[in-house]
Amino acid sequence: MIDGLLAVTFDFGNTLVPFRAASMSEVVRLTAETAAGIVGCRPQEFVRVWAEERQRQLDENVPEGREADMDVRVVRVIARLRGVPSPGPDRWEDASITAVCEPGELSAILNAYARAFVAETPVPRGIEPMLARLAGRYRLAVLSNWPLAIAVERYLDAAGWSPHLTATVISHRVGAIKPRPRIFEAAARALGVESGPAILHVGDDPGADIVGAHAVGWRAAWVRIKPEDSPLPFAVPTANSQPDLIVDNVLDIEAAIS
């Protein structure tokens, strides 16, 4: 039991929604089918270059506390598929390749990803009624690292969870990833609650969720069990990774804070 709570924030991937490798691969495959028709390439080639540029972004951006924004990735992938040489170990000069991708092409590919994401990601049972009950007592938010905000936002709408949320705070829009304080402070402002122990953050990644929440004075709960084959990135735990609560499943959090 945790006293004095006014708000609860939930991580999205592997906290509210489990993400397995097969479903994530299918989302990229479906996106590639749309992209291939736009770019004039084979879907398999798009998938290959996508994976390479995703890893490049993770290697470069995560240590700097930045998200691997999907709009940036799509432009880089299209540039390579249209003949722009990869920078190899160097960084992209993103301003120099914007002309290779029309705004309508970028929008079409991002929307294809968001559609596939909603269609191929099952909605876990029990989350909506839990959020409905908790919303009667606390202000709720989704607080997530994710490289395409519209994918998460559309999923929350389709799942029927959005009416129970005061805010949705995604790293793609904030410009910083957990555990950076900036994204937690943005969530506190969106909730209208002073950042501190009156907010509990619930997440599966100790290095991002627990460390980040404690760094700004929040309480933190760790969801212990997640898919073993999940391709979602995770942060390295530190000495500040010890949670205030441990639950096996996010559905256990309601009883734990009651």
Protein backbone atom coordinates (compact mmCIF):
# COMPACT_ATOMS: atom_id res chain seq x y z
CA MET A 1 0.00 0.00 0.00
CA ILE A 2 1.26 3.49 -0.88
CA ASP A 3 -0.39 6.45 0.83
CA GLY A 4 -0.79 9.95 -0.54
CA LEU A 5 -1.00 9.13 -4.23
CA LEU A 6 -2.73 11.54 -6.56
CA ALA A 7 -1.62 10.14 -9.91
CA VAL A 8 -0.38 6.93 -11.53
CA THR A 9 1.55 6.76 -14.78
CA PHE A 10 1.97 3.59 -16.80
CA ASP A 11 4.69 2.60 -19.21
CA PHE A 12 3.20 1.27 -22.45
CA GLY A 13 5.36 -1.44 -24.01
CA ASN A 14 5.72 -4.61 -21.88
CA THR A 15 3.83 -2.95 -19.02
CA LEU A 16 0.32 -2.29 -20.28
CA VAL A 17 0.89 -4.19 -23.53
CA PRO A 18 3.28 -7.12 -24.04
CA PHE A 19 5.33 -6.96 -27.23
CA ARG A 20 6.67 -10.17 -28.73
CA ALA A 21 9.15 -10.42 -31.55
CA ALA A 22 6.72 -12.00 -34.02
CA SER A 23 4.07 -9.28 -33.76
CA MET A 24 6.64 -6.49 -34.03
CA SER A 25 8.16 -8.13 -37.12
CA GLU A 26 4.71 -8.36 -38.70
CA VAL A 27 4.14 -4.63 -38.16
CA VAL A 28 7.38 -3.83 -39.98
CA ARG A 29 6.56 -6.33 -42.75
CA LEU A 30 3.17 -4.73 -43.38
CA THR A 31 4.75 -1.27 -43.33
CA ALA A 32 7.31 -2.46 -45.88
CA GLU A 33 4.57 -3.56 -48.27
CA THR A 34 3.25 0.01 -48.40
CA ALA A 35 6.73 1.55 -48.49
CA ALA A 36 7.89 -0.73 -51.30
CA GLY A 37 5.15 0.59 -53.57
CA ILE A 38 6.12 4.17 -52.77
CA VAL A 39 9.88 3.81 -53.05
CA GLY A 40 10.00 1.19 -55.80
CA CYS A 41 11.90 -1.50 -53.94
CA ARG A 42 11.34 -5.03 -52.68
CA PRO A 43 9.69 -5.21 -49.24
CA GLN A 44 12.55 -7.38 -47.97
CA GLU A 45 15.05 -4.68 -48.89
CA PHE A 46 13.06 -2.08 -46.97
CA VAL A 47 12.95 -4.37 -43.91
CA ARG A 48 16.73 -4.92 -44.08
CA VAL A 49 17.61 -1.23 -44.30
CA TRP A 50 14.98 -0.39 -41.66
CA ALA A 51 16.66 -2.77 -39.18
CA GLU A 52 20.08 -1.27 -39.87
CA GLU A 53 18.90 2.31 -39.42
CA ARG A 54 16.91 1.44 -36.29
CA GLN A 55 20.05 -0.01 -34.71
CA ARG A 56 22.08 3.03 -35.78
CA GLN A 57 19.54 5.31 -34.07
CA LEU A 58 19.56 3.25 -30.89
CA ASP A 59 23.36 3.29 -30.76
CA GLU A 60 23.56 7.05 -31.33
CA ASN A 61 20.45 8.45 -29.64
CA VAL A 62 19.87 6.39 -26.52
CA PRO A 63 23.19 7.31 -24.82
CA GLU A 64 22.22 10.96 -25.41
CA GLY A 65 18.75 10.48 -23.93
CA ARG A 66 16.97 10.92 -27.28
CA GLU A 67 14.33 8.77 -28.94
CA ALA A 68 15.01 6.88 -32.17
CA ASP A 69 12.32 8.91 -33.93
CA MET A 70 10.59 6.96 -36.65
CA ASP A 71 10.05 9.93 -38.97
CA VAL A 72 13.81 10.45 -39.05
CA ARG A 73 14.34 6.74 -39.67
CA VAL A 74 11.93 6.59 -42.60
CA VAL A 75 13.70 9.44 -44.39
CA ARG A 76 17.06 7.77 -43.90
CA VAL A 77 15.75 4.44 -45.19
CA ILE A 78 14.20 6.05 -48.27
CA ALA A 79 17.43 7.97 -48.92
CA ARG A 80 19.45 4.76 -48.95
CA LEU A 81 16.92 2.93 -51.11
CA ARG A 82 17.05 5.82 -53.59
CA GLY A 83 20.79 5.66 -53.90
CA VAL A 84 22.18 7.91 -51.18
CA PRO A 85 25.23 6.14 -49.72
CA SER A 86 25.08 5.08 -46.09
CA PRO A 87 27.36 7.23 -43.91
CA GLY A 88 28.87 4.07 -42.47
CA PRO A 89 30.22 4.71 -38.98
CA ASP A 90 29.61 8.44 -39.31
CA ARG A 91 26.36 10.23 -38.51
CA TRP A 92 23.75 11.21 -41.04
CA GLU A 93 23.50 14.83 -42.06
CA ASP A 94 19.71 14.70 -41.93
CA ALA A 95 19.21 18.19 -43.36
CA SER A 96 20.97 17.08 -46.56
CA ILE A 97 18.57 14.20 -47.32
CA THR A 98 15.14 15.71 -46.63
CA ALA A 99 14.58 16.37 -50.35
CA VAL A 100 14.71 12.65 -51.22
CA CYS A 101 11.40 12.03 -49.45
CA GLU A 102 8.22 13.96 -50.19
CA PRO A 103 6.09 14.89 -47.15
CA GLY A 104 3.21 12.83 -48.54
CA GLU A 105 5.45 9.77 -48.84
CA LEU A 106 6.65 10.12 -45.28
CA SER A 107 3.10 10.54 -44.00
CA ALA A 108 1.89 7.50 -45.96
CA ILE A 109 4.58 5.24 -44.52
CA LEU A 110 4.14 6.46 -40.94
CA ASN A 111 0.39 5.99 -41.21
CA ALA A 112 0.90 2.51 -42.63
CA TYR A 113 3.03 1.68 -39.60
CA ALA A 114 0.43 3.06 -37.20
CA ARG A 115 -2.37 1.08 -38.90
CA ALA A 116 -0.37 -2.13 -38.76
CA PHE A 117 0.62 -1.44 -35.16
CA VAL A 118 -3.01 -1.14 -34.04
CA ALA A 119 -4.15 -4.11 -36.13
CA GLU A 120 -1.36 -6.51 -35.13
CA THR A 121 -1.03 -5.69 -31.42
CA PRO A 122 -3.62 -7.56 -29.36
CA VAL A 123 -5.41 -5.59 -26.63
CA PRO A 124 -4.74 -7.31 -23.28
CA ARG A 125 -7.81 -8.32 -21.35
CA GLY A 126 -8.55 -6.61 -18.06
CA ILE A 127 -6.67 -3.35 -18.65
CA GLU A 128 -9.67 -1.20 -19.58
CA PRO A 129 -11.76 -2.03 -16.50
CA MET A 130 -8.72 -1.60 -14.26
CA LEU A 131 -8.03 1.84 -15.71
CA ALA A 132 -11.69 2.77 -15.34
CA ARG A 133 -11.64 1.92 -11.65
CA LEU A 134 -8.31 3.63 -10.98
CA ALA A 135 -9.45 6.76 -12.83
CA GLY A 136 -12.11 7.20 -10.17
CA ARG A 137 -9.37 7.68 -7.57
CA TYR A 138 -6.28 8.97 -9.40
CA ARG A 139 -5.21 10.97 -12.42
CA LEU A 140 -3.80 8.50 -14.91
CA ALA A 141 -1.34 8.82 -17.77
CA VAL A 142 0.61 6.70 -20.18
CA LEU A 143 4.29 7.67 -19.96
CA SER A 144 6.25 5.83 -22.60
CA ASN A 145 9.38 5.72 -24.67
CA TRP A 146 8.15 5.14 -28.23
CA PRO A 147 9.50 6.34 -31.58
CA LEU A 148 6.11 7.11 -33.19
CA ALA A 149 3.58 8.86 -30.97
CA ILE A 150 0.61 8.42 -33.32
CA ALA A 151 0.96 4.63 -33.10
CA VAL A 152 0.51 4.63 -29.33
CA GLU A 153 -2.19 7.31 -29.38
CA ARG A 154 -4.25 5.45 -31.98
CA TYR A 155 -3.83 2.19 -30.10
CA LEU A 156 -5.09 3.79 -26.87
CA ASP A 157 -8.11 5.14 -28.73
CA ALA A 158 -8.86 1.80 -30.42
CA ALA A 159 -8.51 -0.09 -27.14
CA GLY A 160 -10.95 2.25 -25.41
CA TRP A 161 -8.38 3.32 -22.82
CA SER A 162 -8.07 7.00 -23.73
CA PRO A 163 -11.21 8.18 -21.85
CA HIS A 164 -9.60 7.04 -18.58
CA LEU A 165 -6.37 8.97 -19.13
CA THR A 166 -5.65 12.54 -18.14
CA ALA A 167 -2.55 12.59 -20.35
CA THR A 168 -0.47 10.61 -22.83
CA VAL A 169 3.22 11.51 -22.78
CA ILE A 170 5.42 9.93 -25.46
CA SER A 171 9.16 10.41 -25.89
CA HIS A 172 8.72 11.06 -29.62
CA ARG A 173 6.81 14.25 -28.77
CA VAL A 174 8.80 15.29 -25.69
CA GLY A 175 12.24 14.90 -27.25
CA ALA A 176 13.68 12.89 -24.36
CA ILE A 177 13.47 9.28 -23.22
CA LYS A 178 13.19 7.73 -19.79
CA PRO A 179 15.11 7.82 -17.48
CA ARG A 180 15.79 11.48 -18.34
CA PRO A 181 13.97 13.79 -15.89
CA ARG A 182 12.58 15.91 -18.72
CA ILE A 183 9.97 13.34 -19.77
CA PHE A 184 8.84 12.70 -16.19
CA GLU A 185 8.49 16.41 -15.53
CA ALA A 186 6.49 16.77 -18.74
CA ALA A 187 4.13 14.08 -17.47
CA ALA A 188 3.70 15.83 -14.11
CA ARG A 189 2.77 19.05 -15.88
CA ALA A 190 0.31 17.24 -18.14
CA LEU A 191 -1.27 15.58 -15.11
CA GLY A 192 -1.46 18.84 -13.19
CA VAL A 193 0.23 17.23 -10.18
CA GLU A 194 3.38 18.51 -8.49
CA SER A 195 6.27 16.24 -9.39
CA GLY A 196 7.14 14.15 -6.36
CA PRO A 197 5.93 11.26 -4.18
CA ALA A 198 2.26 11.87 -5.01
CA ILE A 199 2.94 10.24 -8.40
CA LEU A 200 3.55 6.51 -8.87
CA HIS A 201 5.13 5.30 -12.11
CA VAL A 202 4.59 1.69 -13.15
CA GLY A 203 6.98 0.09 -15.62
CA ASP A 204 8.88 -3.03 -16.65
CA ASP A 205 12.34 -1.53 -17.22
CA PRO A 206 14.23 -0.86 -13.96
CA GLY A 207 16.93 1.19 -15.67
CA ALA A 208 14.43 3.49 -17.39
CA ASP A 209 11.24 3.38 -15.32
CA ILE A 210 12.46 2.94 -11.76
CA VAL A 211 15.63 5.02 -12.06
CA GLY A 212 13.83 7.81 -13.89
CA ALA A 213 10.91 7.97 -11.47
CA HIS A 214 13.14 8.00 -8.39
CA ALA A 215 15.36 10.70 -9.89
CA VAL A 216 12.44 13.15 -9.78
CA GLY A 217 11.14 11.99 -6.40
CA TRP A 218 8.28 9.80 -7.64
CA ARG A 219 7.33 6.38 -6.31
CA ALA A 220 8.00 3.48 -8.66
CA ALA A 221 6.54 0.02 -9.22
CA TRP A 222 8.25 -2.70 -11.25
CA VAL A 223 6.26 -5.12 -13.42
CA ARG A 224 8.48 -8.15 -13.20
CA ILE A 225 7.24 -10.49 -15.95
CA LYS A 226 7.45 -9.63 -19.66
CA PRO A 227 7.95 -11.60 -22.90
CA GLU A 228 11.40 -13.15 -23.03
CA ASP A 229 11.67 -12.58 -26.78
CA SER A 230 10.59 -8.95 -26.75
CA PRO A 231 12.66 -6.79 -29.12
CA LEU A 232 12.02 -3.57 -27.18
CA PRO A 233 15.22 -1.89 -25.96
CA PHE A 234 15.93 -1.58 -22.26
CA ALA A 235 18.16 0.57 -20.06
CA VAL A 236 21.03 -0.64 -17.92
CA PRO A 237 19.92 -0.85 -14.25
CA THR A 238 21.80 1.19 -11.65
CA ALA A 239 21.94 1.37 -7.87
CA ASN A 240 18.77 3.47 -7.97
CA SER A 241 16.79 0.67 -9.65
CA GLN A 242 15.15 -0.70 -6.50
CA PRO A 243 11.35 -0.23 -6.78
CA ASP A 244 8.90 0.71 -4.07
CA LEU A 245 6.60 -2.08 -5.27
CA ILE A 246 7.09 -5.26 -7.27
CA VAL A 247 4.21 -6.94 -9.11
CA ASP A 248 4.20 -9.85 -11.52
CA ASN A 249 1.60 -8.30 -13.84
CA VAL A 250 0.32 -4.76 -14.30
CA LEU A 251 -3.15 -5.96 -13.33
CA ASP A 252 -1.78 -6.59 -9.83
CA ILE A 253 -1.07 -2.88 -9.29
CA GLU A 254 -4.65 -2.03 -8.36
CA ALA A 255 -4.62 -4.28 -5.31
CA ALA A 256 -1.07 -3.27 -4.42
CA ILE A 257 -1.95 0.42 -4.01
CA SER A 258 -5.41 -0.03 -2.49
